[in-house]
């Protein structure tokens, strides 16, 4: 389809800014791992910290940033704060990216490593 026709219209500056901010948050391996983990089920901060291998304070800070951006949500359950993915579309993007990268590594691990400067 030609640019600007049908469903392929250019996004607004605001949408581009919001998308860049969301991708920026997900550019952190720790935050990406948190979103990946929460996509599989709800968890409290201590369970997440244990699963992603991060310190409790760092995991809590990552969760605060993801929550502020609207990528995760939380609810109180007694004394615990339970976190969950608040945006299923973000989960779909993350899963798609992971599948693509796994496929690329399976096909040519050297090519992927050289393309990221490793």
PDB file of N, CA and C in Angstrom:
ATOM      1  N   UNK A   1       0.829  -1.182   0.000  1.00  0.00           N
ATOM      2  CA  UNK A   1       0.000   0.000   0.000  1.00  0.00           C
ATOM      3  C   UNK A   1       0.868   1.237   0.000  1.00  0.00           C
ATOM      4  N   UNK A   2       0.405   2.267  -0.614  1.00  0.00           N
ATOM      5  CA  UNK A   2       1.141   3.519  -0.655  1.00  0.00           C
ATOM      6  C   UNK A   2       1.062   4.216   0.691  1.00  0.00           C
ATOM      7  N   UNK A   3       2.123   4.960   1.012  1.00  0.00           N
ATOM      8  CA  UNK A   3       2.146   5.702   2.275  1.00  0.00           C
ATOM      9  C   UNK A   3       0.984   6.675   2.332  1.00  0.00           C
ATOM     10  N   UNK A   4       0.365   6.753   3.494  1.00  0.00           N
ATOM     11  CA  UNK A   4      -0.726   7.707   3.681  1.00  0.00           C
ATOM     12  C   UNK A   4      -2.080   7.217   3.217  1.00  0.00           C
ATOM     13  N   UNK A   5      -2.167   6.001   2.672  1.00  0.00           N
ATOM     14  CA  UNK A   5      -3.461   5.512   2.201  1.00  0.00           C
ATOM     15  C   UNK A   5      -3.993   4.429   3.127  1.00  0.00           C
ATOM     16  N   UNK A   6      -5.280   4.318   3.196  1.00  0.00           N
ATOM     17  CA  UNK A   6      -5.923   3.248   3.963  1.00  0.00           C
ATOM     18  C   UNK A   6      -5.515   3.252   5.417  1.00  0.00           C
ATOM     19  N   UNK A   7      -5.177   2.047   5.927  1.00  0.00           N
ATOM     20  CA  UNK A   7      -4.840   1.917   7.337  1.00  0.00           C
ATOM     21  C   UNK A   7      -3.398   2.300   7.652  1.00  0.00           C
ATOM     22  N   UNK A   8      -2.601   2.614   6.665  1.00  0.00           N
ATOM     23  CA  UNK A   8      -1.198   2.925   6.882  1.00  0.00           C
ATOM     24  C   UNK A   8      -0.956   4.428   6.885  1.00  0.00           C
ATOM     25  N   UNK A   9      -1.598   5.114   7.794  1.00  0.00           N
ATOM     26  CA  UNK A   9      -1.374   6.550   7.907  1.00  0.00           C
ATOM     27  C   UNK A   9      -0.244   6.797   8.893  1.00  0.00           C
ATOM     28  N   UNK A  10       0.430   7.912   8.722  1.00  0.00           N
ATOM     29  CA  UNK A  10       1.538   8.249   9.619  1.00  0.00           C
ATOM     30  C   UNK A  10       1.015   8.512  11.022  1.00  0.00           C
ATOM     31  N   UNK A  11       1.720   8.017  12.032  1.00  0.00           N
ATOM     32  CA  UNK A  11       1.312   8.288  13.406  1.00  0.00           C
ATOM     33  C   UNK A  11       1.586   9.745  13.764  1.00  0.00           C
ATOM     34  N   UNK A  12       0.867  10.216  14.758  1.00  0.00           N
ATOM     35  CA  UNK A  12       1.094  11.590  15.213  1.00  0.00           C
ATOM     36  C   UNK A  12       2.413  11.653  15.978  1.00  0.00           C
ATOM     37  N   UNK A  13       2.901  12.852  16.172  1.00  0.00           N
ATOM     38  CA  UNK A  13       4.135  13.049  16.936  1.00  0.00           C
ATOM     39  C   UNK A  13       3.972  12.519  18.360  1.00  0.00           C
ATOM     40  N   UNK A  14       2.787  12.697  18.919  1.00  0.00           N
ATOM     41  CA  UNK A  14       2.534  12.221  20.280  1.00  0.00           C
ATOM     42  C   UNK A  14       2.615  10.698  20.355  1.00  0.00           C
ATOM     43  N   UNK A  15       2.045  10.027  19.373  1.00  0.00           N
ATOM     44  CA  UNK A  15       2.092   8.563  19.352  1.00  0.00           C
ATOM     45  C   UNK A  15       3.533   8.084  19.183  1.00  0.00           C
ATOM     46  N   UNK A  16       4.286   8.727  18.312  1.00  0.00           N
ATOM     47  CA  UNK A  16       5.691   8.356  18.121  1.00  0.00           C
ATOM     48  C   UNK A  16       6.494   8.558  19.406  1.00  0.00           C
ATOM     49  N   UNK A  17       6.227   9.645  20.102  1.00  0.00           N
ATOM     50  CA  UNK A  17       6.922   9.923  21.360  1.00  0.00           C
ATOM     51  C   UNK A  17       6.582   8.867  22.408  1.00  0.00           C
ATOM     52  N   UNK A  18       5.298   8.524  22.511  1.00  0.00           N
ATOM     53  CA  UNK A  18       4.873   7.503  23.471  1.00  0.00           C
ATOM     54  C   UNK A  18       5.467   6.138  23.135  1.00  0.00           C
ATOM     55  N   UNK A  19       5.488   5.802  21.859  1.00  0.00           N
ATOM     56  CA  UNK A  19       6.056   4.512  21.433  1.00  0.00           C
ATOM     57  C   UNK A  19       7.548   4.464  21.738  1.00  0.00           C
ATOM     58  N   UNK A  20       8.263   5.541  21.461  1.00  0.00           N
ATOM     59  CA  UNK A  20       9.699   5.587  21.751  1.00  0.00           C
ATOM     60  C   UNK A  20       9.953   5.442  23.248  1.00  0.00           C
ATOM     61  N   UNK A  21       9.109   6.062  24.063  1.00  0.00           N
ATOM     62  CA  UNK A  21       9.257   5.950  25.517  1.00  0.00           C
ATOM     63  C   UNK A  21       9.023   4.510  25.976  1.00  0.00           C
ATOM     64  N   UNK A  22       7.996   3.853  25.431  1.00  0.00           N
ATOM     65  CA  UNK A  22       7.715   2.458  25.794  1.00  0.00           C
ATOM     66  C   UNK A  22       8.860   1.550  25.368  1.00  0.00           C
ATOM     67  N   UNK A  23       9.359   1.734  24.137  1.00  0.00           N
ATOM     68  CA  UNK A  23      10.491   0.923  23.679  1.00  0.00           C
ATOM     69  C   UNK A  23      11.731   1.211  24.512  1.00  0.00           C
ATOM     70  N   UNK A  24      11.893   2.477  24.922  1.00  0.00           N
ATOM     71  CA  UNK A  24      13.022   2.835  25.776  1.00  0.00           C
ATOM     72  C   UNK A  24      12.973   2.100  27.104  1.00  0.00           C
ATOM     73  N   UNK A  25      11.790   2.022  27.700  1.00  0.00           N
ATOM     74  CA  UNK A  25      11.643   1.276  28.952  1.00  0.00           C
ATOM     75  C   UNK A  25      11.947  -0.202  28.749  1.00  0.00           C
ATOM     76  N   UNK A  26      11.526  -0.745  27.633  1.00  0.00           N
ATOM     77  CA  UNK A  26      11.742  -2.164  27.364  1.00  0.00           C
ATOM     78  C   UNK A  26      13.158  -2.457  26.876  1.00  0.00           C
ATOM     79  N   UNK A  27      13.964  -1.413  26.659  1.00  0.00           N
ATOM     80  CA  UNK A  27      15.346  -1.613  26.222  1.00  0.00           C
ATOM     81  C   UNK A  27      16.228  -2.121  27.365  1.00  0.00           C
ATOM     82  N   UNK A  28      15.734  -2.079  28.578  1.00  0.00           N
ATOM     83  CA  UNK A  28      16.460  -2.602  29.736  1.00  0.00           C
ATOM     84  C   UNK A  28      16.217  -4.108  29.838  1.00  0.00           C
ATOM     85  N   UNK A  29      17.278  -4.907  29.859  1.00  0.00           N
ATOM     86  CA  UNK A  29      17.070  -6.353  29.993  1.00  0.00           C
ATOM     87  C   UNK A  29      16.268  -6.725  31.235  1.00  0.00           C
ATOM     88  N   UNK A  30      16.497  -6.036  32.340  1.00  0.00           N
ATOM     89  CA  UNK A  30      15.770  -6.357  33.570  1.00  0.00           C
ATOM     90  C   UNK A  30      14.282  -6.073  33.407  1.00  0.00           C
ATOM     91  N   UNK A  31      13.937  -4.908  32.845  1.00  0.00           N
ATOM     92  CA  UNK A  31      12.509  -4.577  32.679  1.00  0.00           C
ATOM     93  C   UNK A  31      11.852  -5.484  31.650  1.00  0.00           C
ATOM     94  N   UNK A  32      12.581  -5.816  30.610  1.00  0.00           N
ATOM     95  CA  UNK A  32      12.053  -6.739  29.606  1.00  0.00           C
ATOM     96  C   UNK A  32      11.775  -8.105  30.241  1.00  0.00           C
ATOM     97  N   UNK A  33      12.687  -8.552  31.088  1.00  0.00           N
ATOM     98  CA  UNK A  33      12.501  -9.834  31.766  1.00  0.00           C
ATOM     99  C   UNK A  33      11.300  -9.773  32.712  1.00  0.00           C
ATOM    100  N   UNK A  34      11.122  -8.643  33.389  1.00  0.00           N
ATOM    101  CA  UNK A  34       9.962  -8.477  34.283  1.00  0.00           C
ATOM    102  C   UNK A  34       8.662  -8.568  33.488  1.00  0.00           C
ATOM    103  N   UNK A  35       8.585  -7.862  32.368  1.00  0.00           N
ATOM    104  CA  UNK A  35       7.373  -7.911  31.538  1.00  0.00           C
ATOM    105  C   UNK A  35       7.155  -9.330  31.031  1.00  0.00           C
ATOM    106  N   UNK A  36       8.205  -9.982  30.584  1.00  0.00           N
ATOM    107  CA  UNK A  36       8.113 -11.361  30.098  1.00  0.00           C
ATOM    108  C   UNK A  36       7.570 -12.270  31.201  1.00  0.00           C
ATOM    109  N   UNK A  37       8.085 -12.114  32.402  1.00  0.00           N
ATOM    110  CA  UNK A  37       7.664 -12.934  33.533  1.00  0.00           C
ATOM    111  C   UNK A  37       6.208 -12.662  33.907  1.00  0.00           C
ATOM    112  N   UNK A  38       5.835 -11.379  33.973  1.00  0.00           N
ATOM    113  CA  UNK A  38       4.455 -11.032  34.323  1.00  0.00           C
ATOM    114  C   UNK A  38       3.464 -11.455  33.248  1.00  0.00           C
ATOM    115  N   UNK A  39       3.914 -11.586  32.021  1.00  0.00           N
ATOM    116  CA  UNK A  39       3.036 -12.058  30.948  1.00  0.00           C
ATOM    117  C   UNK A  39       2.604 -13.501  31.204  1.00  0.00           C
ATOM    118  N   UNK A  40       3.395 -14.206  32.009  1.00  0.00           N
ATOM    119  CA  UNK A  40       3.085 -15.601  32.331  1.00  0.00           C
ATOM    120  C   UNK A  40       2.231 -15.742  33.582  1.00  0.00           C
ATOM    121  N   UNK A  41       2.087 -14.641  34.321  1.00  0.00           N
ATOM    122  CA  UNK A  41       1.255 -14.691  35.519  1.00  0.00           C
ATOM    123  C   UNK A  41       1.628 -13.600  36.510  1.00  0.00           C
ATOM    124  N   UNK A  42       0.692 -13.284  37.362  1.00  0.00           N
ATOM    125  CA  UNK A  42       0.888 -12.234  38.359  1.00  0.00           C
ATOM    126  C   UNK A  42       1.952 -12.638  39.377  1.00  0.00           C
ATOM    127  N   UNK A  43       2.552 -11.606  40.019  1.00  0.00           N
ATOM    128  CA  UNK A  43       3.565 -11.887  41.029  1.00  0.00           C
ATOM    129  C   UNK A  43       3.748 -10.681  41.936  1.00  0.00           C
ATOM    130  N   UNK A  44       4.267 -10.938  43.129  1.00  0.00           N
ATOM    131  CA  UNK A  44       4.665  -9.829  43.980  1.00  0.00           C
ATOM    132  C   UNK A  44       6.136  -9.504  43.686  1.00  0.00           C
ATOM    133  N   UNK A  45       6.632  -8.424  44.284  1.00  0.00           N
ATOM    134  CA  UNK A  45       7.973  -7.956  43.956  1.00  0.00           C
ATOM    135  C   UNK A  45       9.047  -8.957  44.373  1.00  0.00           C
ATOM    136  N   UNK A  46       8.866  -9.634  45.500  1.00  0.00           N
ATOM    137  CA  UNK A  46       9.896 -10.583  45.929  1.00  0.00           C
ATOM    138  C   UNK A  46       9.960 -11.788  44.989  1.00  0.00           C
ATOM    139  N   UNK A  47       8.804 -12.262  44.529  1.00  0.00           N
ATOM    140  CA  UNK A  47       8.793 -13.360  43.564  1.00  0.00           C
ATOM    141  C   UNK A  47       9.432 -12.964  42.247  1.00  0.00           C
ATOM    142  N   UNK A  48       9.158 -11.741  41.810  1.00  0.00           N
ATOM    143  CA  UNK A  48       9.769 -11.251  40.572  1.00  0.00           C
ATOM    144  C   UNK A  48      11.272 -11.112  40.712  1.00  0.00           C
ATOM    145  N   UNK A  49      11.707 -10.532  41.832  1.00  0.00           N
ATOM    146  CA  UNK A  49      13.144 -10.347  42.049  1.00  0.00           C
ATOM    147  C   UNK A  49      13.865 -11.688  42.009  1.00  0.00           C
ATOM    148  N   UNK A  50      13.279 -12.681  42.644  1.00  0.00           N
ATOM    149  CA  UNK A  50      13.880 -14.015  42.643  1.00  0.00           C
ATOM    150  C   UNK A  50      13.913 -14.598  41.236  1.00  0.00           C
ATOM    151  N   UNK A  51      12.835 -14.464  40.510  1.00  0.00           N
ATOM    152  CA  UNK A  51      12.748 -15.067  39.169  1.00  0.00           C
ATOM    153  C   UNK A  51      13.674 -14.392  38.167  1.00  0.00           C
ATOM    154  N   UNK A  52      13.783 -13.054  38.229  1.00  0.00           N
ATOM    155  CA  UNK A  52      14.616 -12.348  37.244  1.00  0.00           C
ATOM    156  C   UNK A  52      16.053 -12.167  37.720  1.00  0.00           C
ATOM    157  N   UNK A  53      16.326 -12.592  38.959  1.00  0.00           N
ATOM    158  CA  UNK A  53      17.697 -12.530  39.450  1.00  0.00           C
ATOM    159  C   UNK A  53      18.150 -11.130  39.822  1.00  0.00           C
ATOM    160  N   UNK A  54      17.213 -10.291  40.226  1.00  0.00           N
ATOM    161  CA  UNK A  54      17.565  -8.925  40.600  1.00  0.00           C
ATOM    162  C   UNK A  54      17.394  -8.696  42.085  1.00  0.00           C
ATOM    163  N   UNK A  55      18.040  -7.639  42.570  1.00  0.00           N
ATOM    164  CA  UNK A  55      17.872  -7.251  43.964  1.00  0.00           C
ATOM    165  C   UNK A  55      16.462  -6.698  44.146  1.00  0.00           C
ATOM    166  N   UNK A  56      15.904  -6.881  45.316  1.00  0.00           N
ATOM    167  CA  UNK A  56      14.554  -6.423  45.607  1.00  0.00           C
ATOM    168  C   UNK A  56      14.368  -4.920  45.352  1.00  0.00           C
ATOM    169  N   UNK A  57      15.269  -4.046  45.830  1.00  0.00           N
ATOM    170  CA  UNK A  57      15.077  -2.609  45.569  1.00  0.00           C
ATOM    171  C   UNK A  57      15.126  -2.259  44.072  1.00  0.00           C
ATOM    172  N   UNK A  58      16.025  -2.895  43.337  1.00  0.00           N
ATOM    173  CA  UNK A  58      16.129  -2.620  41.897  1.00  0.00           C
ATOM    174  C   UNK A  58      14.881  -3.094  41.165  1.00  0.00           C
ATOM    175  N   UNK A  59      14.400  -4.269  41.516  1.00  0.00           N
ATOM    176  CA  UNK A  59      13.178  -4.798  40.898  1.00  0.00           C
ATOM    177  C   UNK A  59      12.002  -3.882  41.197  1.00  0.00           C
ATOM    178  N   UNK A  60      11.928  -3.405  42.412  1.00  0.00           N
ATOM    179  CA  UNK A  60      10.862  -2.485  42.803  1.00  0.00           C
ATOM    180  C   UNK A  60      10.922  -1.191  41.987  1.00  0.00           C
ATOM    181  N   UNK A  61      12.116  -0.670  41.768  1.00  0.00           N
ATOM    182  CA  UNK A  61      12.274   0.547  40.961  1.00  0.00           C
ATOM    183  C   UNK A  61      11.865   0.307  39.511  1.00  0.00           C
ATOM    184  N   UNK A  62      12.251  -0.838  38.964  1.00  0.00           N
ATOM    185  CA  UNK A  62      11.852  -1.171  37.592  1.00  0.00           C
ATOM    186  C   UNK A  62      10.332  -1.254  37.493  1.00  0.00           C
ATOM    187  N   UNK A  63       9.709  -1.884  38.468  1.00  0.00           N
ATOM    188  CA  UNK A  63       8.251  -2.004  38.476  1.00  0.00           C
ATOM    189  C   UNK A  63       7.587  -0.632  38.551  1.00  0.00           C
ATOM    190  N   UNK A  64       8.141   0.260  39.338  1.00  0.00           N
ATOM    191  CA  UNK A  64       7.573   1.606  39.453  1.00  0.00           C
ATOM    192  C   UNK A  64       7.599   2.318  38.110  1.00  0.00           C
ATOM    193  N   UNK A  65       8.697   2.183  37.372  1.00  0.00           N
ATOM    194  CA  UNK A  65       8.803   2.819  36.051  1.00  0.00           C
ATOM    195  C   UNK A  65       7.820   2.185  35.071  1.00  0.00           C
ATOM    196  N   UNK A  66       7.728   0.870  35.073  1.00  0.00           N
ATOM    197  CA  UNK A  66       6.803   0.184  34.171  1.00  0.00           C
ATOM    198  C   UNK A  66       5.351   0.528  34.508  1.00  0.00           C
ATOM    199  N   UNK A  67       5.062   0.664  35.785  1.00  0.00           N
ATOM    200  CA  UNK A  67       3.712   1.013  36.210  1.00  0.00           C
ATOM    201  C   UNK A  67       3.372   2.441  35.810  1.00  0.00           C
ATOM    202  N   UNK A  68       4.307   3.361  36.015  1.00  0.00           N
ATOM    203  CA  UNK A  68       4.103   4.755  35.638  1.00  0.00           C
ATOM    204  C   UNK A  68       3.833   4.885  34.137  1.00  0.00           C
ATOM    205  N   UNK A  69       4.468   4.056  33.342  1.00  0.00           N
ATOM    206  CA  UNK A  69       4.279   4.078  31.891  1.00  0.00           C
ATOM    207  C   UNK A  69       3.014   3.346  31.458  1.00  0.00           C
ATOM    208  N   UNK A  70       2.338   2.678  32.390  1.00  0.00           N
ATOM    209  CA  UNK A  70       1.118   1.968  32.048  1.00  0.00           C
ATOM    210  C   UNK A  70       1.348   0.591  31.445  1.00  0.00           C
ATOM    211  N   UNK A  71       2.574   0.071  31.563  1.00  0.00           N
ATOM    212  CA  UNK A  71       2.864  -1.243  30.995  1.00  0.00           C
ATOM    213  C   UNK A  71       2.528  -2.365  31.967  1.00  0.00           C
ATOM    214  N   UNK A  72       2.553  -2.078  33.258  1.00  0.00           N
ATOM    215  CA  UNK A  72       2.113  -3.048  34.258  1.00  0.00           C
ATOM    216  C   UNK A  72       1.167  -2.349  35.226  1.00  0.00           C
ATOM    217  N   UNK A  73       0.375  -3.129  35.894  1.00  0.00           N
ATOM    218  CA  UNK A  73      -0.536  -2.612  36.906  1.00  0.00           C
ATOM    219  C   UNK A  73      -0.317  -3.380  38.196  1.00  0.00           C
ATOM    220  N   UNK A  74      -0.981  -2.938  39.231  1.00  0.00           N
ATOM    221  CA  UNK A  74      -0.852  -3.643  40.503  1.00  0.00           C
ATOM    222  C   UNK A  74      -2.153  -3.542  41.287  1.00  0.00           C
ATOM    223  N   UNK A  75      -2.277  -4.455  42.231  1.00  0.00           N
ATOM    224  CA  UNK A  75      -3.403  -4.428  43.139  1.00  0.00           C
ATOM    225  C   UNK A  75      -2.919  -4.928  44.489  1.00  0.00           C
ATOM    226  N   UNK A  76      -3.558  -4.459  45.522  1.00  0.00           N
ATOM    227  CA  UNK A  76      -3.190  -4.861  46.876  1.00  0.00           C
ATOM    228  C   UNK A  76      -3.908  -6.150  47.235  1.00  0.00           C
ATOM    229  N   UNK A  77      -3.153  -7.049  47.827  1.00  0.00           N
ATOM    230  CA  UNK A  77      -3.695  -8.317  48.313  1.00  0.00           C
ATOM    231  C   UNK A  77      -3.157  -8.503  49.726  1.00  0.00           C
ATOM    232  N   UNK A  78      -3.926  -8.054  50.702  1.00  0.00           N
ATOM    233  CA  UNK A  78      -3.432  -8.051  52.077  1.00  0.00           C
ATOM    234  C   UNK A  78      -2.321  -7.024  52.224  1.00  0.00           C
ATOM    235  N   UNK A  79      -1.167  -7.470  52.654  1.00  0.00           N
ATOM    236  CA  UNK A  79      -0.016  -6.575  52.794  1.00  0.00           C
ATOM    237  C   UNK A  79       0.856  -6.560  51.549  1.00  0.00           C
ATOM    238  N   UNK A  80       0.568  -7.423  50.599  1.00  0.00           N
ATOM    239  CA  UNK A  80       1.400  -7.531  49.388  1.00  0.00           C
ATOM    240  C   UNK A  80       0.802  -6.754  48.232  1.00  0.00           C
ATOM    241  N   UNK A  81       1.692  -6.249  47.388  1.00  0.00           N
ATOM    242  CA  UNK A  81       1.306  -5.606  46.133  1.00  0.00           C
ATOM    243  C   UNK A  81       1.522  -6.651  45.037  1.00  0.00           C
ATOM    244  N   UNK A  82       0.480  -6.963  44.293  1.00  0.00           N
ATOM    245  CA  UNK A  82       0.566  -7.965  43.229  1.00  0.00           C
ATOM    246  C   UNK A  82       0.631  -7.227  41.892  1.00  0.00           C
ATOM    247  N   UNK A  83       1.616  -7.583  41.075  1.00  0.00           N
ATOM    248  CA  UNK A  83       1.823  -6.934  39.778  1.00  0.00           C
ATOM    249  C   UNK A  83       1.355  -7.839  38.648  1.00  0.00           C
ATOM    250  N   UNK A  84       0.900  -7.220  37.578  1.00  0.00           N
ATOM    251  CA  UNK A  84       0.420  -7.936  36.401  1.00  0.00           C
ATOM    252  C   UNK A  84       0.649  -7.059  35.171  1.00  0.00           C
ATOM    253  N   UNK A  85       0.629  -7.683  34.005  1.00  0.00           N
ATOM    254  CA  UNK A  85       0.754  -6.928  32.765  1.00  0.00           C
ATOM    255  C   UNK A  85      -0.558  -6.208  32.518  1.00  0.00           C
ATOM    256  N   UNK A  86      -0.467  -4.924  32.281  1.00  0.00           N
ATOM    257  CA  UNK A  86      -1.665  -4.111  32.108  1.00  0.00           C
ATOM    258  C   UNK A  86      -1.976  -3.844  30.636  1.00  0.00           C
ATOM    259  N   UNK A  87      -1.085  -4.267  29.756  1.00  0.00           N
ATOM    260  CA  UNK A  87      -1.252  -3.980  28.330  1.00  0.00           C
ATOM    261  C   UNK A  87      -0.887  -5.225  27.523  1.00  0.00           C
ATOM    262  N   UNK A  88      -1.890  -5.990  27.124  1.00  0.00           N
ATOM    263  CA  UNK A  88      -1.655  -7.239  26.393  1.00  0.00           C
ATOM    264  C   UNK A  88      -1.011  -7.010  25.024  1.00  0.00           C
ATOM    265  N   UNK A  89      -1.200  -5.839  24.435  1.00  0.00           N
ATOM    266  CA  UNK A  89      -0.555  -5.541  23.158  1.00  0.00           C
ATOM    267  C   UNK A  89       0.961  -5.464  23.320  1.00  0.00           C
ATOM    268  N   UNK A  90       1.417  -4.922  24.458  1.00  0.00           N
ATOM    269  CA  UNK A  90       2.857  -4.873  24.724  1.00  0.00           C
ATOM    270  C   UNK A  90       3.402  -6.286  24.857  1.00  0.00           C
ATOM    271  N   UNK A  91       2.648  -7.154  25.519  1.00  0.00           N
ATOM    272  CA  UNK A  91       3.058  -8.555  25.647  1.00  0.00           C
ATOM    273  C   UNK A  91       3.219  -9.177  24.263  1.00  0.00           C
ATOM    274  N   UNK A  92       2.281  -8.908  23.377  1.00  0.00           N
ATOM    275  CA  UNK A  92       2.355  -9.458  22.020  1.00  0.00           C
ATOM    276  C   UNK A  92       3.606  -8.973  21.295  1.00  0.00           C
ATOM    277  N   UNK A  93       3.946  -7.705  21.454  1.00  0.00           N
ATOM    278  CA  UNK A  93       5.153  -7.149  20.823  1.00  0.00           C
ATOM    279  C   UNK A  93       6.400  -7.816  21.396  1.00  0.00           C
ATOM    280  N   UNK A  94       6.461  -7.952  22.715  1.00  0.00           N
ATOM    281  CA  UNK A  94       7.615  -8.570  23.360  1.00  0.00           C
ATOM    282  C   UNK A  94       7.749 -10.025  22.915  1.00  0.00           C
ATOM    283  N   UNK A  95       6.654 -10.757  22.888  1.00  0.00           N
ATOM    284  CA  UNK A  95       6.705 -12.154  22.462  1.00  0.00           C
ATOM    285  C   UNK A  95       7.143 -12.281  21.009  1.00  0.00           C
ATOM    286  N   UNK A  96       6.638 -11.408  20.154  1.00  0.00           N
ATOM    287  CA  UNK A  96       7.041 -11.429  18.749  1.00  0.00           C
ATOM    288  C   UNK A  96       8.535 -11.166  18.612  1.00  0.00           C
ATOM    289  N   UNK A  97       9.048 -10.170  19.335  1.00  0.00           N
ATOM    290  CA  UNK A  97      10.472  -9.853  19.261  1.00  0.00           C
ATOM    291  C   UNK A  97      11.321 -11.027  19.740  1.00  0.00           C
ATOM    292  N   UNK A  98      10.912 -11.652  20.830  1.00  0.00           N
ATOM    293  CA  UNK A  98      11.666 -12.794  21.354  1.00  0.00           C
ATOM    294  C   UNK A  98      11.678 -13.956  20.363  1.00  0.00           C
ATOM    295  N   UNK A  99      10.530 -14.230  19.762  1.00  0.00           N
ATOM    296  CA  UNK A  99      10.476 -15.310  18.756  1.00  0.00           C
ATOM    297  C   UNK A  99      11.402 -14.999  17.592  1.00  0.00           C
ATOM    298  N   UNK A 100      11.368 -13.761  17.113  1.00  0.00           N
ATOM    299  CA  UNK A 100      12.209 -13.377  15.977  1.00  0.00           C
ATOM    300  C   UNK A 100      13.689 -13.497  16.323  1.00  0.00           C
ATOM    301  N   UNK A 101      14.058 -13.049  17.506  1.00  0.00           N
ATOM    302  CA  UNK A 101      15.465 -13.122  17.906  1.00  0.00           C
ATOM    303  C   UNK A 101      15.912 -14.555  18.110  1.00  0.00           C
ATOM    304  N   UNK A 102      15.057 -15.372  18.698  1.00  0.00           N
ATOM    305  CA  UNK A 102      15.404 -16.796  18.851  1.00  0.00           C
ATOM    306  C   UNK A 102      15.602 -17.447  17.491  1.00  0.00           C
ATOM    307  N   UNK A 103      14.717 -17.125  16.556  1.00  0.00           N
ATOM    308  CA  UNK A 103      14.832 -17.676  15.203  1.00  0.00           C
ATOM    309  C   UNK A 103      16.138 -17.210  14.552  1.00  0.00           C
ATOM    310  N   UNK A 104      16.475 -15.953  14.710  1.00  0.00           N
ATOM    311  CA  UNK A 104      17.706 -15.414  14.126  1.00  0.00           C
ATOM    312  C   UNK A 104      18.932 -16.085  14.733  1.00  0.00           C
ATOM    313  N   UNK A 105      18.935 -16.297  16.042  1.00  0.00           N
ATOM    314  CA  UNK A 105      20.064 -16.953  16.700  1.00  0.00           C
ATOM    315  C   UNK A 105      20.162 -18.401  16.245  1.00  0.00           C
ATOM    316  N   UNK A 106      19.025 -19.091  16.129  1.00  0.00           N
ATOM    317  CA  UNK A 106      19.038 -20.482  15.681  1.00  0.00           C
ATOM    318  C   UNK A 106      19.588 -20.609  14.265  1.00  0.00           C
ATOM    319  N   UNK A 107      19.272 -19.643  13.423  1.00  0.00           N
ATOM    320  CA  UNK A 107      19.708 -19.703  12.033  1.00  0.00           C
ATOM    321  C   UNK A 107      21.160 -19.269  11.858  1.00  0.00           C
ATOM    322  N   UNK A 108      21.575 -18.253  12.585  1.00  0.00           N
ATOM    323  CA  UNK A 108      22.930 -17.731  12.414  1.00  0.00           C
ATOM    324  C   UNK A 108      23.371 -16.941  13.640  1.00  0.00           C
ATOM    325  N   UNK A 109      23.851 -17.634  14.685  1.00  0.00           N
ATOM    326  CA  UNK A 109      24.228 -16.918  15.898  1.00  0.00           C
ATOM    327  C   UNK A 109      25.330 -15.895  15.661  1.00  0.00           C
ATOM    328  N   UNK A 110      26.272 -16.188  14.766  1.00  0.00           N
ATOM    329  CA  UNK A 110      27.364 -15.255  14.497  1.00  0.00           C
ATOM    330  C   UNK A 110      26.857 -13.952  13.893  1.00  0.00           C
ATOM    331  N   UNK A 111      25.886 -14.038  13.014  1.00  0.00           N
ATOM    332  CA  UNK A 111      25.348 -12.849  12.357  1.00  0.00           C
ATOM    333  C   UNK A 111      24.680 -11.926  13.368  1.00  0.00           C
ATOM    334  N   UNK A 112      23.910 -12.508  14.280  1.00  0.00           N
ATOM    335  CA  UNK A 112      23.220 -11.691  15.285  1.00  0.00           C
ATOM    336  C   UNK A 112      24.228 -11.008  16.187  1.00  0.00           C
ATOM    337  N   UNK A 113      25.230 -11.751  16.644  1.00  0.00           N
ATOM    338  CA  UNK A 113      26.223 -11.149  17.533  1.00  0.00           C
ATOM    339  C   UNK A 113      27.012 -10.048  16.843  1.00  0.00           C
ATOM    340  N   UNK A 114      27.366 -10.236  15.579  1.00  0.00           N
ATOM    341  CA  UNK A 114      28.121  -9.205  14.870  1.00  0.00           C
ATOM    342  C   UNK A 114      27.259  -7.978  14.583  1.00  0.00           C
ATOM    343  N   UNK A 115      25.949  -8.154  14.444  1.00  0.00           N
ATOM    344  CA  UNK A 115      25.093  -7.012  14.159  1.00  0.00           C
ATOM    345  C   UNK A 115      24.870  -6.124  15.371  1.00  0.00           C
ATOM    346  N   UNK A 116      25.056  -6.679  16.583  1.00  0.00           N
ATOM    347  CA  UNK A 116      24.890  -5.875  17.796  1.00  0.00           C
ATOM    348  C   UNK A 116      26.227  -5.448  18.369  1.00  0.00           C
ATOM    349  N   UNK A 117      27.299  -5.731  17.682  1.00  0.00           N
ATOM    350  CA  UNK A 117      28.608  -5.263  18.099  1.00  0.00           C
ATOM    351  C   UNK A 117      29.253  -6.067  19.204  1.00  0.00           C
ATOM    352  N   UNK A 118      28.825  -7.302  19.397  1.00  0.00           N
ATOM    353  CA  UNK A 118      29.407  -8.121  20.465  1.00  0.00           C
ATOM    354  C   UNK A 118      30.693  -8.772  20.005  1.00  0.00           C
TER     355      UNK A 118
END
